[in-house]
N, C-alpha and C. Protein backbone atom coordinates (compact mmCIF):
# COMPACT_ATOMS: atom_id res chain seq x y z
N MET A 1 -9.79 52.70 -54.67
CA MET A 1 -10.09 52.58 -55.98
C MET A 1 -11.31 51.48 -56.76
N HIS A 2 -11.68 50.78 -55.90
CA HIS A 2 -13.11 50.09 -55.57
C HIS A 2 -14.64 50.60 -55.91
N ASP A 3 -14.61 51.58 -56.17
CA ASP A 3 -15.49 52.26 -56.09
C ASP A 3 -16.51 52.06 -57.93
N VAL A 4 -16.75 50.60 -57.60
CA VAL A 4 -17.51 50.05 -58.76
C VAL A 4 -18.37 50.66 -59.71
N ALA A 5 -19.36 51.24 -58.89
CA ALA A 5 -20.63 51.78 -59.55
C ALA A 5 -20.11 53.30 -60.11
N ARG A 6 -19.21 54.17 -59.15
CA ARG A 6 -18.73 55.20 -59.96
C ARG A 6 -17.91 55.10 -61.18
N ILE A 7 -16.82 54.06 -61.30
CA ILE A 7 -16.19 54.08 -62.63
C ILE A 7 -17.22 53.22 -63.25
N LYS A 8 -18.03 52.46 -63.27
CA LYS A 8 -19.09 52.07 -63.90
C LYS A 8 -19.91 53.38 -64.41
N ALA A 9 -20.51 54.13 -63.95
CA ALA A 9 -21.30 54.99 -64.11
C ALA A 9 -20.25 55.93 -65.24
N ILE A 10 -19.31 56.20 -65.04
CA ILE A 10 -18.17 57.03 -65.92
C ILE A 10 -18.03 56.42 -67.17
N LEU A 11 -17.96 55.09 -67.19
CA LEU A 11 -18.01 54.46 -68.58
C LEU A 11 -19.16 54.35 -69.40
N GLU A 12 -19.99 54.19 -68.59
CA GLU A 12 -21.54 54.19 -68.86
C GLU A 12 -21.57 55.61 -70.09
N GLN A 13 -21.32 56.71 -69.27
CA GLN A 13 -21.52 57.93 -69.90
C GLN A 13 -20.90 58.07 -70.87
N CYS A 14 -19.61 57.50 -71.01
CA CYS A 14 -18.49 57.43 -72.31
C CYS A 14 -19.27 57.08 -73.49
N GLY A 15 -19.88 55.36 -72.84
CA GLY A 15 -20.33 54.69 -74.08
C GLY A 15 -21.81 55.84 -74.62
N ARG A 16 -22.56 56.34 -73.83
CA ARG A 16 -23.34 57.43 -74.38
C ARG A 16 -22.97 58.35 -74.99
N ASP A 17 -21.66 58.84 -74.77
CA ASP A 17 -21.21 60.12 -75.59
C ASP A 17 -20.38 59.67 -76.84
N GLY A 18 -20.10 58.16 -76.78
CA GLY A 18 -19.40 57.63 -77.95
C GLY A 18 -18.13 57.84 -78.05
N ARG A 19 -17.48 58.04 -76.89
CA ARG A 19 -15.99 58.11 -76.90
C ARG A 19 -15.33 57.44 -75.48
N ALA A 20 -13.97 56.69 -76.22
CA ALA A 20 -13.27 56.20 -75.22
C ALA A 20 -12.59 57.35 -74.06
N ILE A 21 -11.94 56.68 -73.35
CA ILE A 21 -11.23 57.50 -72.04
C ILE A 21 -9.89 56.78 -71.77
N SER A 22 -9.01 57.85 -71.45
CA SER A 22 -7.65 57.42 -70.89
C SER A 22 -7.47 56.72 -69.38
N TYR A 23 -6.71 56.07 -69.41
CA TYR A 23 -6.53 55.35 -67.67
C TYR A 23 -6.29 56.66 -67.20
N SER A 24 -5.17 57.99 -67.41
CA SER A 24 -5.37 59.04 -66.81
C SER A 24 -6.32 59.97 -66.60
N GLU A 25 -7.50 60.01 -67.63
CA GLU A 25 -8.51 60.78 -67.82
C GLU A 25 -9.47 60.20 -66.54
N LEU A 26 -9.59 58.72 -66.66
CA LEU A 26 -10.37 58.18 -65.57
C LEU A 26 -9.65 58.53 -64.29
N LEU A 27 -8.72 58.03 -64.15
CA LEU A 27 -7.96 58.75 -62.88
C LEU A 27 -8.24 59.88 -62.37
N LEU A 28 -7.92 60.72 -63.12
CA LEU A 28 -8.34 62.28 -62.82
C LEU A 28 -9.76 62.62 -62.51
N ASN A 29 -10.83 61.86 -62.79
CA ASN A 29 -11.95 61.80 -62.70
C ASN A 29 -12.34 61.45 -61.64
N LEU A 30 -11.76 60.60 -60.90
CA LEU A 30 -11.67 59.93 -59.57
C LEU A 30 -11.02 60.49 -58.43
N GLY A 31 -10.40 61.56 -59.05
CA GLY A 31 -9.67 62.79 -57.84
C GLY A 31 -8.06 61.93 -57.66
N PHE A 32 -7.34 61.28 -58.79
CA PHE A 32 -6.23 60.70 -58.32
C PHE A 32 -5.08 61.00 -59.74
N ARG A 33 -4.17 61.51 -59.38
CA ARG A 33 -3.03 61.80 -60.44
C ARG A 33 -2.34 60.16 -60.96
N PHE A 34 -2.20 60.09 -62.35
CA PHE A 34 -1.56 58.89 -62.88
C PHE A 34 -0.47 58.21 -62.24
N THR A 35 -0.63 56.90 -61.91
CA THR A 35 0.53 56.17 -61.18
C THR A 35 0.38 54.90 -61.43
N ARG A 36 1.36 54.55 -61.63
CA ARG A 36 1.14 52.62 -62.18
C ARG A 36 0.18 52.07 -60.99
N PRO A 37 0.66 52.10 -59.78
CA PRO A 37 -0.16 51.41 -58.69
C PRO A 37 -1.83 51.59 -58.72
N LYS A 38 -2.00 52.83 -59.06
CA LYS A 38 -3.35 53.57 -59.11
C LYS A 38 -4.22 52.70 -60.45
N MET A 39 -3.44 52.72 -61.39
CA MET A 39 -3.68 52.35 -62.33
C MET A 39 -4.01 50.82 -62.88
N ARG A 40 -3.03 49.94 -61.99
CA ARG A 40 -3.47 48.70 -61.56
C ARG A 40 -4.70 48.12 -60.98
N ALA A 41 -4.79 49.24 -59.67
CA ALA A 41 -6.12 49.24 -58.72
C ALA A 41 -7.47 49.37 -59.98
N VAL A 42 -7.55 50.45 -60.74
CA VAL A 42 -8.42 50.24 -61.55
C VAL A 42 -8.76 49.61 -62.37
N CYS A 43 -7.37 48.82 -63.09
CA CYS A 43 -7.84 47.75 -63.98
C CYS A 43 -8.40 46.40 -63.21
N LYS A 44 -7.97 46.03 -61.86
CA LYS A 44 -8.94 45.22 -61.14
C LYS A 44 -10.30 45.53 -61.29
N THR A 45 -10.68 46.76 -60.86
CA THR A 45 -12.20 47.14 -60.81
C THR A 45 -12.94 47.20 -62.25
N LEU A 46 -12.04 47.33 -63.49
CA LEU A 46 -12.48 47.08 -64.47
C LEU A 46 -12.95 45.81 -64.85
N ASP A 47 -12.07 44.79 -64.42
CA ASP A 47 -12.16 43.54 -64.56
C ASP A 47 -14.03 43.14 -63.91
N LYS A 48 -13.98 43.50 -62.49
CA LYS A 48 -15.38 43.49 -61.98
C LYS A 48 -16.40 44.04 -62.92
N ILE A 49 -16.17 45.29 -63.23
CA ILE A 49 -17.40 46.18 -63.87
C ILE A 49 -17.46 44.86 -65.16
N ASP A 50 -16.64 44.25 -65.90
CA ASP A 50 -16.85 43.71 -67.34
C ASP A 50 -17.71 42.46 -66.50
N GLN A 51 -17.32 41.97 -65.60
CA GLN A 51 -18.22 40.69 -64.78
C GLN A 51 -19.84 41.25 -64.69
N ILE A 52 -19.75 42.29 -64.45
CA ILE A 52 -20.95 42.80 -64.06
C ILE A 52 -21.71 43.13 -65.23
N THR A 53 -21.26 43.68 -66.28
CA THR A 53 -22.05 44.12 -67.45
C THR A 53 -22.31 42.76 -68.32
N ALA A 54 -21.58 41.77 -68.21
CA ALA A 54 -21.82 40.50 -68.80
C ALA A 54 -23.01 39.83 -67.94
N GLU A 55 -23.23 39.90 -67.05
CA GLU A 55 -24.44 39.29 -66.15
C GLU A 55 -25.45 40.26 -66.26
N GLU A 56 -25.14 41.44 -66.56
CA GLU A 56 -26.39 42.24 -67.10
C GLU A 56 -26.60 42.06 -68.91
N GLY A 57 -26.15 40.98 -69.49
CA GLY A 57 -26.34 41.04 -70.78
C GLY A 57 -25.86 42.57 -71.57
N ALA A 58 -24.91 43.04 -71.23
CA ALA A 58 -24.53 44.49 -71.75
C ALA A 58 -23.21 44.28 -72.36
N PRO A 59 -22.81 44.96 -73.19
CA PRO A 59 -21.40 44.90 -73.69
C PRO A 59 -20.40 45.32 -72.58
N ALA A 60 -18.88 44.59 -72.63
CA ALA A 60 -17.99 44.74 -71.62
C ALA A 60 -17.48 46.26 -71.70
N LEU A 61 -17.24 46.99 -70.95
CA LEU A 61 -16.80 48.55 -70.88
C LEU A 61 -15.46 48.69 -70.96
N ALA A 62 -14.44 47.71 -70.18
CA ALA A 62 -13.19 48.02 -70.06
C ALA A 62 -12.69 48.26 -71.45
N VAL A 63 -13.21 47.99 -72.42
CA VAL A 63 -12.60 48.32 -73.40
C VAL A 63 -12.56 49.84 -73.98
N LEU A 64 -13.64 50.66 -73.30
CA LEU A 64 -13.39 51.88 -73.22
C LEU A 64 -11.81 52.51 -72.84
N VAL A 65 -11.38 51.93 -71.98
CA VAL A 65 -10.06 52.65 -71.26
C VAL A 65 -9.09 52.41 -71.94
N VAL A 66 -8.14 53.32 -72.47
CA VAL A 66 -7.34 53.42 -73.26
C VAL A 66 -5.90 53.72 -72.88
N ARG A 67 -4.98 53.66 -73.44
CA ARG A 67 -3.63 54.24 -73.42
C ARG A 67 -3.83 55.62 -74.11
N GLU A 68 -3.17 56.66 -73.58
CA GLU A 68 -3.47 57.73 -74.50
C GLU A 68 -2.36 57.79 -76.02
N GLY A 69 -1.24 56.82 -75.92
CA GLY A 69 -0.50 56.91 -76.54
C GLY A 69 -0.87 56.64 -77.97
N ASP A 70 -1.66 55.41 -78.35
CA ASP A 70 -1.87 54.58 -79.01
C ASP A 70 -3.29 54.16 -78.94
N GLY A 71 -4.01 54.90 -78.09
CA GLY A 71 -5.59 54.52 -77.82
C GLY A 71 -6.12 53.54 -78.01
N LEU A 72 -4.95 52.57 -77.12
CA LEU A 72 -5.76 50.74 -77.28
C LEU A 72 -5.66 50.41 -75.88
N PRO A 73 -6.51 49.49 -75.35
CA PRO A 73 -6.14 49.14 -74.17
C PRO A 73 -4.96 48.78 -73.50
N GLY A 74 -4.48 48.55 -72.34
CA GLY A 74 -3.16 48.17 -71.65
C GLY A 74 -3.45 46.21 -71.88
N GLN A 75 -1.95 46.25 -71.79
CA GLN A 75 -1.32 44.84 -71.96
C GLN A 75 -2.42 43.90 -71.34
N GLY A 76 -2.52 44.34 -69.97
CA GLY A 76 -3.63 43.32 -68.94
C GLY A 76 -5.24 43.20 -69.74
N TRP A 77 -5.41 43.99 -70.44
CA TRP A 77 -6.70 43.96 -70.82
C TRP A 77 -6.79 42.84 -72.41
N TRP A 78 -5.39 42.55 -72.66
CA TRP A 78 -5.61 41.72 -73.80
C TRP A 78 -5.06 40.15 -73.17
N THR A 79 -4.70 40.49 -72.13
CA THR A 79 -4.07 38.59 -71.97
C THR A 79 -5.47 37.85 -71.37
N GLY A 80 -5.50 36.86 -71.71
CA GLY A 80 -6.26 35.92 -71.54
C GLY A 80 -7.58 35.77 -72.38
N ARG A 81 -7.80 36.45 -73.71
CA ARG A 81 -8.94 36.88 -74.36
C ARG A 81 -9.00 35.91 -74.96
N THR A 82 -10.37 35.06 -75.35
CA THR A 82 -10.39 34.23 -76.34
C THR A 82 -10.93 34.81 -77.51
N ASP A 83 -11.54 36.04 -77.55
CA ASP A 83 -12.02 36.45 -78.89
C ASP A 83 -11.21 37.18 -80.08
N TYR A 84 -9.75 36.95 -79.57
CA TYR A 84 -9.05 37.80 -80.39
C TYR A 84 -7.88 37.10 -80.30
N GLN A 85 -6.99 36.95 -81.08
CA GLN A 85 -5.67 35.89 -81.18
C GLN A 85 -4.16 36.56 -81.81
N GLY A 86 -4.97 38.28 -82.10
CA GLY A 86 -3.55 38.58 -83.06
C GLY A 86 -2.41 39.72 -82.21
N GLU A 87 -2.01 40.62 -82.57
CA GLU A 87 -1.08 41.50 -82.00
C GLU A 87 -1.74 42.45 -80.94
N TRP A 88 -1.19 43.03 -80.07
CA TRP A 88 -2.01 43.72 -79.26
C TRP A 88 -1.47 45.46 -79.67
N THR A 89 -0.97 45.72 -80.72
CA THR A 89 -1.11 46.56 -81.20
C THR A 89 -1.04 46.55 -82.42
N GLY A 90 -0.91 47.62 -83.40
CA GLY A 90 -0.92 47.98 -84.88
C GLY A 90 -2.42 47.79 -85.42
N PRO A 91 -2.77 48.06 -86.62
CA PRO A 91 -4.00 48.00 -87.38
C PRO A 91 -4.91 47.11 -87.29
N GLN A 92 -4.43 45.54 -86.93
CA GLN A 92 -5.31 44.57 -86.71
C GLN A 92 -5.98 45.01 -85.21
N ALA A 93 -5.12 45.14 -84.33
CA ALA A 93 -5.61 45.85 -82.98
C ALA A 93 -6.67 46.79 -82.79
N HIS A 94 -6.40 47.79 -83.71
CA HIS A 94 -7.31 49.09 -83.79
C HIS A 94 -8.46 48.66 -84.21
N ALA A 95 -8.49 47.95 -85.27
CA ALA A 95 -9.83 47.41 -85.74
C ALA A 95 -10.65 46.54 -84.99
N HIS A 96 -9.73 45.81 -84.43
CA HIS A 96 -10.61 44.67 -83.26
C HIS A 96 -11.15 45.70 -82.34
N ILE A 97 -10.51 46.42 -81.59
CA ILE A 97 -10.96 47.71 -80.68
C ILE A 97 -12.23 48.60 -81.43
N ARG A 98 -11.59 49.42 -82.19
CA ARG A 98 -13.01 49.84 -82.92
C ARG A 98 -14.42 48.97 -83.01
N LYS A 99 -14.31 48.00 -83.38
CA LYS A 99 -15.73 47.20 -83.39
C LYS A 99 -16.23 46.92 -82.11
N LEU A 100 -15.07 46.39 -81.08
CA LEU A 100 -15.70 46.15 -79.63
C LEU A 100 -16.65 47.57 -78.94
N GLN A 101 -15.77 48.42 -79.30
CA GLN A 101 -16.21 50.16 -78.68
C GLN A 101 -17.67 50.42 -79.74
N GLY A 102 -17.35 50.10 -80.85
CA GLY A 102 -18.54 50.21 -81.69
C GLY A 102 -19.85 49.69 -81.49
N ASP A 103 -19.61 48.74 -80.61
CA ASP A 103 -20.68 47.70 -80.00
C ASP A 103 -21.31 48.30 -78.63
N VAL A 104 -20.28 49.07 -77.84
CA VAL A 104 -20.66 49.52 -76.52
C VAL A 104 -20.98 50.77 -76.71
N PHE A 105 -20.83 51.61 -78.03
CA PHE A 105 -21.36 52.80 -78.14
C PHE A 105 -22.83 52.77 -78.80
N ALA A 106 -23.14 51.59 -79.57
CA ALA A 106 -24.48 51.17 -80.08
C ALA A 106 -25.30 50.96 -78.83
N TYR A 107 -25.05 50.28 -78.01
CA TYR A 107 -25.67 49.97 -76.89
C TYR A 107 -26.04 50.65 -76.05
N TRP A 108 -25.17 51.50 -75.35
CA TRP A 108 -25.31 52.66 -74.67
C TRP A 108 -26.27 54.06 -74.96
N GLN A 109 -25.86 54.01 -76.35
CA GLN A 109 -26.39 55.22 -76.95
C GLN A 109 -28.24 55.10 -77.31
N ASP A 110 -28.30 53.86 -76.76
CA ASP A 110 -29.76 53.29 -77.32
C ASP A 110 -30.45 53.20 -75.66
N GLN A 111 -29.87 53.46 -74.71
CA GLN A 111 -30.37 53.10 -73.33
C GLN A 111 -31.21 54.70 -72.88
């Protein structure tokens, strides 16, 4: 699950396409079915990808990976964030995610 380059490329394509991707869709793209252990492994890889994109001066890509049920990133994405202090669900969370995803889409559609 540590194929950073492959997962980063998938997320960059999602950015160019202007769309989010669910955890299960991402795992399917990698040849796995959804399981909690696989999802946790992907989340660790997403953290690494966000470190890389920060070093590159690009917006974080992990915000594009969302739960199918509500279209929001999972709890682990929200923990330790300093740019947002609200609830992890609901209208305020959706507005925050739409803004961050919009930044990703704008960046990658110009690449």
